[in-house]
Amino acid sequence: MKLISWNVNGVRAALNKGLADFVAAEQPDVLCLQETKAREEQVDLPLEFGGYQPFWNSADKAGYSGVAIFSKTAPIAVTPDLGIAHHDTEGRVLTAEYDEFYLVTVYTPNSQDGLRRLPYRQQWDVDFLTFCKELETRKPVIFCGDLNVAHTEIDLARPKANRMSAGFSDEERAGFDAMMRAGFVDTFRAAHPGVEGAYSWWSYRGGARSRNVGWRLDYFNASDALASRVKDPKIYTEVLGSDHCPVGMTLG
């Protein structure tokens, strides 16, 4: 099963920048999108999406956040949110249950400039991990999306300059560590433990993408029970259309 995740920074904009062509070329079995910035009824999907069943979770605030799953195989069930009221207004989580696993797509809150939202982000990390571990009591879990953290120094181009910036604070990195200690595997890093320069987000400023001054913020993390079945975890660095690029893996 081929899985792809992409923070599209606005699905309507991405559809005008090659999203449908990418789907047609790659033919994922499941496509997860983050930061859709639209409700389902606002999006005219092209023919390339005709073979997919769409599922959406949009923010209460118009034009903000939002996630979606497009699946060729009908999931057993699809559930939005975490079931925690103060987290569930921003359309950040969508869970699809399949025969052998749960697939969760997530758009993790950004801690924002000056880390002003860091306390909320820390609580989110705890609650999201608890949510995934509860799912795992029933079936293994894969969670993917924009986790808004570069885990280690090789996951961004300028670690020293960005120490304690949003996305590279000690607290956010500790949240990622907690996921790994809880039995989840960063599938890309497990396959490519020492690879540097592998990023999935670049600022629009200063020609950052052309110079590969980026961050790895987008992940497929899987329960340890599934790790041996993960094949070809990859970052589609050549794919444009957003300030993020897609990431993917195949479950054998």
C-alpha atoms as a PDB file:
ATOM      1  CA  MET A   1       0.000   0.000   0.000  1.00  0.00           C
ATOM      2  CA  LYS A   2       1.532   3.271  -1.153  1.00  0.00           C
ATOM      3  CA  LEU A   3       0.978   6.192   1.230  1.00  0.00           C
ATOM      4  CA  ILE A   4       1.782   9.849   0.544  1.00  0.00           C
ATOM      5  CA  SER A   5       1.416  12.888   2.795  1.00  0.00           C
ATOM      6  CA  TRP A   6       1.697  16.545   1.789  1.00  0.00           C
ATOM      7  CA  ASN A   7       1.195  19.876   3.506  1.00  0.00           C
ATOM      8  CA  VAL A   8      -0.208  21.682   0.493  1.00  0.00           C
ATOM      9  CA  ASN A   9      -0.499  25.149   2.106  1.00  0.00           C
ATOM     10  CA  GLY A  10      -3.958  25.574   0.579  1.00  0.00           C
ATOM     11  CA  VAL A  11      -5.488  22.764  -1.457  1.00  0.00           C
ATOM     12  CA  ARG A  12      -7.110  25.088  -3.984  1.00  0.00           C
ATOM     13  CA  ALA A  13      -3.785  26.789  -4.649  1.00  0.00           C
ATOM     14  CA  ALA A  14      -2.040  23.410  -4.884  1.00  0.00           C
ATOM     15  CA  LEU A  15      -4.556  22.192  -7.462  1.00  0.00           C
ATOM     16  CA  ASN A  16      -3.480  25.144  -9.596  1.00  0.00           C
ATOM     17  CA  LYS A  17       0.184  24.216  -9.095  1.00  0.00           C
ATOM     18  CA  GLY A  18       0.267  20.573 -10.140  1.00  0.00           C
ATOM     19  CA  LEU A  19      -1.304  18.581  -7.296  1.00  0.00           C
ATOM     20  CA  ALA A  20      -3.548  16.616  -9.666  1.00  0.00           C
ATOM     21  CA  ASP A  21      -0.630  15.838 -11.989  1.00  0.00           C
ATOM     22  CA  PHE A  22       1.368  14.551  -9.016  1.00  0.00           C
ATOM     23  CA  VAL A  23      -1.486  12.287  -7.958  1.00  0.00           C
ATOM     24  CA  ALA A  24      -1.872  10.980 -11.501  1.00  0.00           C
ATOM     25  CA  ALA A  25       1.845  10.237 -11.748  1.00  0.00           C
ATOM     26  CA  GLU A  26       2.323   8.632  -8.339  1.00  0.00           C
ATOM     27  CA  GLN A  27      -1.047   6.896  -7.898  1.00  0.00           C
ATOM     28  CA  PRO A  28      -0.904   6.562  -4.117  1.00  0.00           C
ATOM     29  CA  ASP A  29      -3.364   4.199  -2.504  1.00  0.00           C
ATOM     30  CA  VAL A  30      -3.911   6.821   0.182  1.00  0.00           C
ATOM     31  CA  LEU A  31      -3.132  10.527  -0.014  1.00  0.00           C
ATOM     32  CA  CYS A  32      -3.106  12.603   3.165  1.00  0.00           C
ATOM     33  CA  LEU A  33      -3.143  16.405   2.972  1.00  0.00           C
ATOM     34  CA  GLN A  34      -2.539  19.006   5.626  1.00  0.00           C
ATOM     35  CA  GLU A  35      -3.206  22.746   5.735  1.00  0.00           C
ATOM     36  CA  THR A  36      -6.002  22.402   3.213  1.00  0.00           C
ATOM     37  CA  LYS A  37      -7.448  25.822   4.169  1.00  0.00           C
ATOM     38  CA  ALA A  38     -10.842  24.958   2.701  1.00  0.00           C
ATOM     39  CA  ARG A  39     -14.058  23.075   3.310  1.00  0.00           C
ATOM     40  CA  GLU A  40     -15.009  20.149   1.100  1.00  0.00           C
ATOM     41  CA  GLU A  41     -17.790  22.075  -0.625  1.00  0.00           C
ATOM     42  CA  GLN A  42     -15.316  24.809  -1.616  1.00  0.00           C
ATOM     43  CA  VAL A  43     -13.081  22.452  -3.591  1.00  0.00           C
ATOM     44  CA  ASP A  44     -13.735  21.225  -7.121  1.00  0.00           C
ATOM     45  CA  LEU A  45     -11.681  18.060  -7.385  1.00  0.00           C
ATOM     46  CA  PRO A  46     -10.399  17.195 -10.868  1.00  0.00           C
ATOM     47  CA  LEU A  47     -10.813  13.866 -12.615  1.00  0.00           C
ATOM     48  CA  GLU A  48      -7.509  12.603 -11.234  1.00  0.00           C
ATOM     49  CA  PHE A  49      -9.237  12.260  -7.849  1.00  0.00           C
ATOM     50  CA  GLY A  50     -12.105  10.227  -9.295  1.00  0.00           C
ATOM     51  CA  GLY A  51     -10.851   6.922  -7.932  1.00  0.00           C
ATOM     52  CA  TYR A  52     -10.548   8.184  -4.381  1.00  0.00           C
ATOM     53  CA  GLN A  53     -13.004   8.433  -1.525  1.00  0.00           C
ATOM     54  CA  PRO A  54     -12.531  11.852   0.096  1.00  0.00           C
ATOM     55  CA  PHE A  55     -12.671  12.587   3.819  1.00  0.00           C
ATOM     56  CA  TRP A  56     -12.235  16.075   5.264  1.00  0.00           C
ATOM     57  CA  ASN A  57     -11.767  17.728   8.634  1.00  0.00           C
ATOM     58  CA  SER A  58     -11.834  21.510   8.381  1.00  0.00           C
ATOM     59  CA  ALA A  59     -11.192  24.196  10.974  1.00  0.00           C
ATOM     60  CA  ASP A  60     -14.015  26.264  12.433  1.00  0.00           C
ATOM     61  CA  LYS A  61     -12.100  29.337  11.248  1.00  0.00           C
ATOM     62  CA  ALA A  62     -12.438  29.850   7.503  1.00  0.00           C
ATOM     63  CA  GLY A  63      -9.285  29.469   5.405  1.00  0.00           C
ATOM     64  CA  TYR A  64      -7.256  28.008   8.269  1.00  0.00           C
ATOM     65  CA  SER A  65      -5.564  24.685   8.943  1.00  0.00           C
ATOM     66  CA  GLY A  66      -7.565  21.581   7.891  1.00  0.00           C
ATOM     67  CA  VAL A  67      -6.667  18.028   6.867  1.00  0.00           C
ATOM     68  CA  ALA A  68      -7.995  15.502   4.367  1.00  0.00           C
ATOM     69  CA  ILE A  69      -7.579  11.862   3.381  1.00  0.00           C
ATOM     70  CA  PHE A  70      -8.199  10.475  -0.122  1.00  0.00           C
ATOM     71  CA  SER A  71      -8.347   6.686  -0.175  1.00  0.00           C
ATOM     72  CA  LYS A  72      -8.727   4.199  -3.036  1.00  0.00           C
ATOM     73  CA  THR A  73      -9.760   1.511  -0.550  1.00  0.00           C
ATOM     74  CA  ALA A  74     -12.785   2.232   1.606  1.00  0.00           C
ATOM     75  CA  PRO A  75     -11.658   2.546   5.235  1.00  0.00           C
ATOM     76  CA  ILE A  76     -13.596   0.689   7.911  1.00  0.00           C
ATOM     77  CA  ALA A  77     -14.225   4.039   9.604  1.00  0.00           C
ATOM     78  CA  VAL A  78     -12.946   7.617   9.497  1.00  0.00           C
ATOM     79  CA  THR A  79     -12.960   9.772  12.619  1.00  0.00           C
ATOM     80  CA  PRO A  80     -12.083  13.472  12.972  1.00  0.00           C
ATOM     81  CA  ASP A  81     -10.217  15.131  15.849  1.00  0.00           C
ATOM     82  CA  LEU A  82      -8.862  13.885  19.167  1.00  0.00           C
ATOM     83  CA  GLY A  83     -12.083  14.008  21.158  1.00  0.00           C
ATOM     84  CA  ILE A  84     -10.705  16.847  23.295  1.00  0.00           C
ATOM     85  CA  ALA A  85     -12.787  20.005  23.002  1.00  0.00           C
ATOM     86  CA  HIS A  86     -10.010  22.594  23.255  1.00  0.00           C
ATOM     87  CA  HIS A  87      -8.029  20.842  20.500  1.00  0.00           C
ATOM     88  CA  ASP A  88     -10.885  20.050  18.151  1.00  0.00           C
ATOM     89  CA  THR A  89     -11.756  23.396  16.541  1.00  0.00           C
ATOM     90  CA  GLU A  90      -8.783  23.663  14.175  1.00  0.00           C
ATOM     91  CA  GLY A  91      -9.266  20.611  11.938  1.00  0.00           C
ATOM     92  CA  ARG A  92      -5.883  19.090  12.685  1.00  0.00           C
ATOM     93  CA  VAL A  93      -6.471  15.330  12.931  1.00  0.00           C
ATOM     94  CA  LEU A  94      -8.225  12.706  10.810  1.00  0.00           C
ATOM     95  CA  THR A  95      -8.013   8.959  11.477  1.00  0.00           C
ATOM     96  CA  ALA A  96      -8.798   6.211   8.966  1.00  0.00           C
ATOM     97  CA  GLU A  97      -9.128   2.639  10.166  1.00  0.00           C
ATOM     98  CA  TYR A  98      -8.027  -0.131   7.808  1.00  0.00           C
ATOM     99  CA  ASP A  99      -8.006  -3.892   8.317  1.00  0.00           C
ATOM    100  CA  GLU A 100      -4.489  -4.036   9.741  1.00  0.00           C
ATOM    101  CA  PHE A 101      -3.724  -0.553  11.036  1.00  0.00           C
ATOM    102  CA  TYR A 102      -4.907   2.951  11.786  1.00  0.00           C
ATOM    103  CA  LEU A 103      -3.687   5.822   9.615  1.00  0.00           C
ATOM    104  CA  VAL A 104      -3.697   9.224  11.297  1.00  0.00           C
ATOM    105  CA  THR A 105      -2.957  12.412   9.405  1.00  0.00           C
ATOM    106  CA  VAL A 106      -2.022  15.363  11.581  1.00  0.00           C
ATOM    107  CA  TYR A 107      -1.178  19.033  11.196  1.00  0.00           C
ATOM    108  CA  THR A 108       0.588  19.792  14.460  1.00  0.00           C
ATOM    109  CA  PRO A 109       0.182  23.317  15.866  1.00  0.00           C
ATOM    110  CA  ASN A 110       3.062  25.698  15.260  1.00  0.00           C
ATOM    111  CA  SER A 111       4.582  27.238  18.381  1.00  0.00           C
ATOM    112  CA  GLN A 112       4.704  30.578  16.524  1.00  0.00           C
ATOM    113  CA  ASP A 113       7.101  33.515  16.774  1.00  0.00           C
ATOM    114  CA  GLY A 114       8.606  33.981  20.183  1.00  0.00           C
ATOM    115  CA  LEU A 115       7.308  30.508  21.110  1.00  0.00           C
ATOM    116  CA  ARG A 116       4.136  32.217  22.290  1.00  0.00           C
ATOM    117  CA  ARG A 117       2.066  29.090  21.656  1.00  0.00           C
ATOM    118  CA  LEU A 118       4.637  26.663  23.044  1.00  0.00           C
ATOM    119  CA  PRO A 119       2.695  25.750  26.223  1.00  0.00           C
ATOM    120  CA  TYR A 120      -0.309  24.807  24.100  1.00  0.00           C
ATOM    121  CA  ARG A 121       1.952  22.901  21.713  1.00  0.00           C
ATOM    122  CA  GLN A 122       3.470  20.936  24.589  1.00  0.00           C
ATOM    123  CA  GLN A 123       0.021  19.894  25.795  1.00  0.00           C
ATOM    124  CA  TRP A 124      -0.912  18.959  22.230  1.00  0.00           C
ATOM    125  CA  ASP A 125       2.125  16.689  21.950  1.00  0.00           C
ATOM    126  CA  VAL A 126       1.155  14.865  25.148  1.00  0.00           C
ATOM    127  CA  ASP A 127      -2.497  14.508  24.134  1.00  0.00           C
ATOM    128  CA  PHE A 128      -1.734  13.437  20.561  1.00  0.00           C
ATOM    129  CA  LEU A 129       0.682  10.750  21.736  1.00  0.00           C
ATOM    130  CA  THR A 130      -1.894   9.515  24.240  1.00  0.00           C
ATOM    131  CA  PHE A 131      -4.448   9.360  21.409  1.00  0.00           C
ATOM    132  CA  CYS A 132      -2.126   7.331  19.177  1.00  0.00           C
ATOM    133  CA  LYS A 133      -1.179   4.957  21.977  1.00  0.00           C
ATOM    134  CA  GLU A 134      -4.848   4.337  22.756  1.00  0.00           C
ATOM    135  CA  LEU A 135      -5.439   3.445  19.097  1.00  0.00           C
ATOM    136  CA  GLU A 136      -2.431   1.168  19.271  1.00  0.00           C
ATOM    137  CA  THR A 137      -4.100  -0.969  21.940  1.00  0.00           C
ATOM    138  CA  ARG A 138      -6.344  -2.187  19.110  1.00  0.00           C
ATOM    139  CA  LYS A 139      -4.162  -2.070  15.978  1.00  0.00           C
ATOM    140  CA  PRO A 140      -0.761  -0.701  14.941  1.00  0.00           C
ATOM    141  CA  VAL A 141      -0.712   2.975  14.006  1.00  0.00           C
ATOM    142  CA  ILE A 142       0.879   5.040  11.257  1.00  0.00           C
ATOM    143  CA  PHE A 143       0.726   8.789  11.745  1.00  0.00           C
ATOM    144  CA  CYS A 144       1.849  11.199   9.086  1.00  0.00           C
ATOM    145  CA  GLY A 145       1.865  14.866   8.336  1.00  0.00           C
ATOM    146  CA  ASP A 146       3.452  18.155   9.230  1.00  0.00           C
ATOM    147  CA  LEU A 147       4.663  17.675  12.805  1.00  0.00           C
ATOM    148  CA  ASN A 148       6.173  21.176  12.876  1.00  0.00           C
ATOM    149  CA  VAL A 149       9.436  20.024  14.435  1.00  0.00           C
ATOM    150  CA  ALA A 150      12.892  19.205  13.141  1.00  0.00           C
ATOM    151  CA  HIS A 151      13.922  16.380  15.434  1.00  0.00           C
ATOM    152  CA  THR A 152      17.711  16.493  15.323  1.00  0.00           C
ATOM    153  CA  GLU A 153      20.401  18.847  14.078  1.00  0.00           C
ATOM    154  CA  ILE A 154      20.682  17.003  10.760  1.00  0.00           C
ATOM    155  CA  ASP A 155      16.982  17.690  10.148  1.00  0.00           C
ATOM    156  CA  LEU A 156      17.533  21.365   9.360  1.00  0.00           C
ATOM    157  CA  ALA A 157      20.180  23.332   7.516  1.00  0.00           C
ATOM    158  CA  ARG A 158      21.074  25.806  10.254  1.00  0.00           C
ATOM    159  CA  PRO A 159      20.585  24.225  13.664  1.00  0.00           C
ATOM    160  CA  LYS A 160      22.736  26.621  15.651  1.00  0.00           C
ATOM    161  CA  ALA A 161      21.059  29.728  14.260  1.00  0.00           C
ATOM    162  CA  ASN A 162      17.602  28.250  14.879  1.00  0.00           C
ATOM    163  CA  ARG A 163      18.109  26.824  18.362  1.00  0.00           C
ATOM    164  CA  MET A 164      14.940  27.641  20.365  1.00  0.00           C
ATOM    165  CA  SER A 165      13.093  28.884  17.286  1.00  0.00           C
ATOM    166  CA  ALA A 166       9.598  27.520  16.667  1.00  0.00           C
ATOM    167  CA  GLY A 167      10.069  24.019  15.313  1.00  0.00           C
ATOM    168  CA  PHE A 168      13.486  23.523  16.909  1.00  0.00           C
ATOM    169  CA  SER A 169      12.970  24.286  20.568  1.00  0.00           C
ATOM    170  CA  ASP A 170      14.203  21.845  23.182  1.00  0.00           C
ATOM    171  CA  GLU A 171      10.610  21.291  24.283  1.00  0.00           C
ATOM    172  CA  GLU A 172       9.316  20.396  20.810  1.00  0.00           C
ATOM    173  CA  ARG A 173      12.231  18.068  20.189  1.00  0.00           C
ATOM    174  CA  ALA A 174      11.566  16.421  23.544  1.00  0.00           C
ATOM    175  CA  GLY A 175       7.989  15.851  22.405  1.00  0.00           C
ATOM    176  CA  PHE A 176       9.312  13.974  19.375  1.00  0.00           C
ATOM    177  CA  ASP A 177      11.688  12.013  21.597  1.00  0.00           C
ATOM    178  CA  ALA A 178       8.687  10.944  23.672  1.00  0.00           C
ATOM    179  CA  MET A 179       7.013   9.543  20.552  1.00  0.00           C
ATOM    180  CA  MET A 180      10.090   7.485  19.766  1.00  0.00           C
ATOM    181  CA  ARG A 181      10.394   6.202  23.338  1.00  0.00           C
ATOM    182  CA  ALA A 182       6.720   5.217  23.200  1.00  0.00           C
ATOM    183  CA  GLY A 183       7.455   2.782  20.390  1.00  0.00           C
ATOM    184  CA  PHE A 184       7.018   4.760  17.184  1.00  0.00           C
ATOM    185  CA  VAL A 185       9.604   4.743  14.406  1.00  0.00           C
ATOM    186  CA  ASP A 186      10.569   7.684  12.200  1.00  0.00           C
ATOM    187  CA  THR A 187      10.462   5.670   8.990  1.00  0.00           C
ATOM    188  CA  PHE A 188      12.629   7.964   6.882  1.00  0.00           C
ATOM    189  CA  ARG A 189      15.356   8.317   9.494  1.00  0.00           C
ATOM    190  CA  ALA A 190      15.318   4.590  10.224  1.00  0.00           C
ATOM    191  CA  ALA A 191      16.082   3.939   6.549  1.00  0.00           C
ATOM    192  CA  HIS A 192      18.515   6.845   6.157  1.00  0.00           C
ATOM    193  CA  PRO A 193      20.136   7.313   9.580  1.00  0.00           C
ATOM    194  CA  GLY A 194      22.977   9.601   8.605  1.00  0.00           C
ATOM    195  CA  VAL A 195      21.628  11.424   5.564  1.00  0.00           C
ATOM    196  CA  GLU A 196      21.925  15.204   5.764  1.00  0.00           C
ATOM    197  CA  GLY A 197      20.229  17.802   3.575  1.00  0.00           C
ATOM    198  CA  ALA A 198      16.975  15.826   3.403  1.00  0.00           C
ATOM    199  CA  TYR A 199      14.331  18.488   4.006  1.00  0.00           C
ATOM    200  CA  SER A 200      10.617  18.855   3.356  1.00  0.00           C
ATOM    201  CA  TRP A 201      10.013  22.578   4.022  1.00  0.00           C
ATOM    202  CA  TRP A 202      11.748  25.715   2.807  1.00  0.00           C
ATOM    203  CA  SER A 203      10.965  29.349   3.458  1.00  0.00           C
ATOM    204  CA  TYR A 204       9.685  31.303   0.474  1.00  0.00           C
ATOM    205  CA  ARG A 205      12.224  33.992   1.359  1.00  0.00           C
ATOM    206  CA  GLY A 206      15.762  34.384   0.108  1.00  0.00           C
ATOM    207  CA  GLY A 207      15.796  31.563  -2.415  1.00  0.00           C
ATOM    208  CA  ALA A 208      15.892  29.044   0.437  1.00  0.00           C
ATOM    209  CA  ARG A 209      14.609  26.160  -1.660  1.00  0.00           C
ATOM    210  CA  SER A 210      17.036  26.626  -4.515  1.00  0.00           C
ATOM    211  CA  ARG A 211      19.860  26.686  -1.944  1.00  0.00           C
ATOM    212  CA  ASN A 212      18.316  23.806   0.055  1.00  0.00           C
ATOM    213  CA  VAL A 213      18.240  25.812   3.270  1.00  0.00           C
ATOM    214  CA  GLY A 214      15.385  23.788   4.683  1.00  0.00           C
ATOM    215  CA  TRP A 215      13.849  21.810   7.520  1.00  0.00           C
ATOM    216  CA  ARG A 216      12.485  18.274   7.735  1.00  0.00           C
ATOM    217  CA  LEU A 217       9.065  18.859   9.286  1.00  0.00           C
ATOM    218  CA  ASP A 218       6.991  16.171   7.528  1.00  0.00           C
ATOM    219  CA  TYR A 219       7.022  12.561   8.656  1.00  0.00           C
ATOM    220  CA  PHE A 220       5.636   9.064   8.461  1.00  0.00           C
ATOM    221  CA  ASN A 221       5.967   7.539  11.923  1.00  0.00           C
ATOM    222  CA  ALA A 222       4.858   3.957  12.479  1.00  0.00           C
ATOM    223  CA  SER A 223       4.303   1.563  15.347  1.00  0.00           C
ATOM    224  CA  ASP A 224       7.326  -0.633  15.884  1.00  0.00           C
ATOM    225  CA  ALA A 225       5.171  -3.641  14.957  1.00  0.00           C
ATOM    226  CA  LEU A 226       4.914  -2.272  11.406  1.00  0.00           C
ATOM    227  CA  ALA A 227       8.493  -1.055  11.007  1.00  0.00           C
ATOM    228  CA  SER A 228       9.750  -4.169   9.211  1.00  0.00           C
ATOM    229  CA  ARG A 229       6.988  -3.797   6.614  1.00  0.00           C
ATOM    230  CA  VAL A 230       7.885  -0.196   5.694  1.00  0.00           C
ATOM    231  CA  LYS A 231       9.485   0.067   2.256  1.00  0.00           C
ATOM    232  CA  ASP A 232      10.988   3.004   0.372  1.00  0.00           C
ATOM    233  CA  PRO A 233      10.353   5.903   2.770  1.00  0.00           C
ATOM    234  CA  LYS A 234      11.080   8.989   0.720  1.00  0.00           C
ATOM    235  CA  ILE A 235      10.925  12.751   0.420  1.00  0.00           C
ATOM    236  CA  TYR A 236       9.762  14.103  -2.936  1.00  0.00           C
ATOM    237  CA  THR A 237      12.080  17.102  -2.921  1.00  0.00           C
ATOM    238  CA  GLU A 238      11.612  17.738  -6.637  1.00  0.00           C
ATOM    239  CA  VAL A 239       7.847  18.290  -6.305  1.00  0.00           C
ATOM    240  CA  LEU A 240       6.804  21.933  -6.194  1.00  0.00           C
ATOM    241  CA  GLY A 241       3.419  23.497  -5.490  1.00  0.00           C
ATOM    242  CA  SER A 242       3.812  24.338  -1.795  1.00  0.00           C
ATOM    243  CA  ASP A 243       6.472  25.490   0.648  1.00  0.00           C
ATOM    244  CA  HIS A 244       6.460  21.816   1.752  1.00  0.00           C
ATOM    245  CA  CYS A 245       7.071  18.849  -0.498  1.00  0.00           C
ATOM    246  CA  PRO A 246       5.354  15.455  -0.223  1.00  0.00           C
ATOM    247  CA  VAL A 247       6.707  12.554   1.801  1.00  0.00           C
ATOM    248  CA  GLY A 248       5.785   8.917   1.365  1.00  0.00           C
ATOM    249  CA  MET A 249       6.295   5.245   2.125  1.00  0.00           C
ATOM    250  CA  THR A 250       5.011   1.859   1.046  1.00  0.00           C
ATOM    251  CA  LEU A 251       3.620  -0.679   3.490  1.00  0.00           C
ATOM    252  CA  GLY A 252       4.489  -4.176   2.328  1.00  0.00           C
END
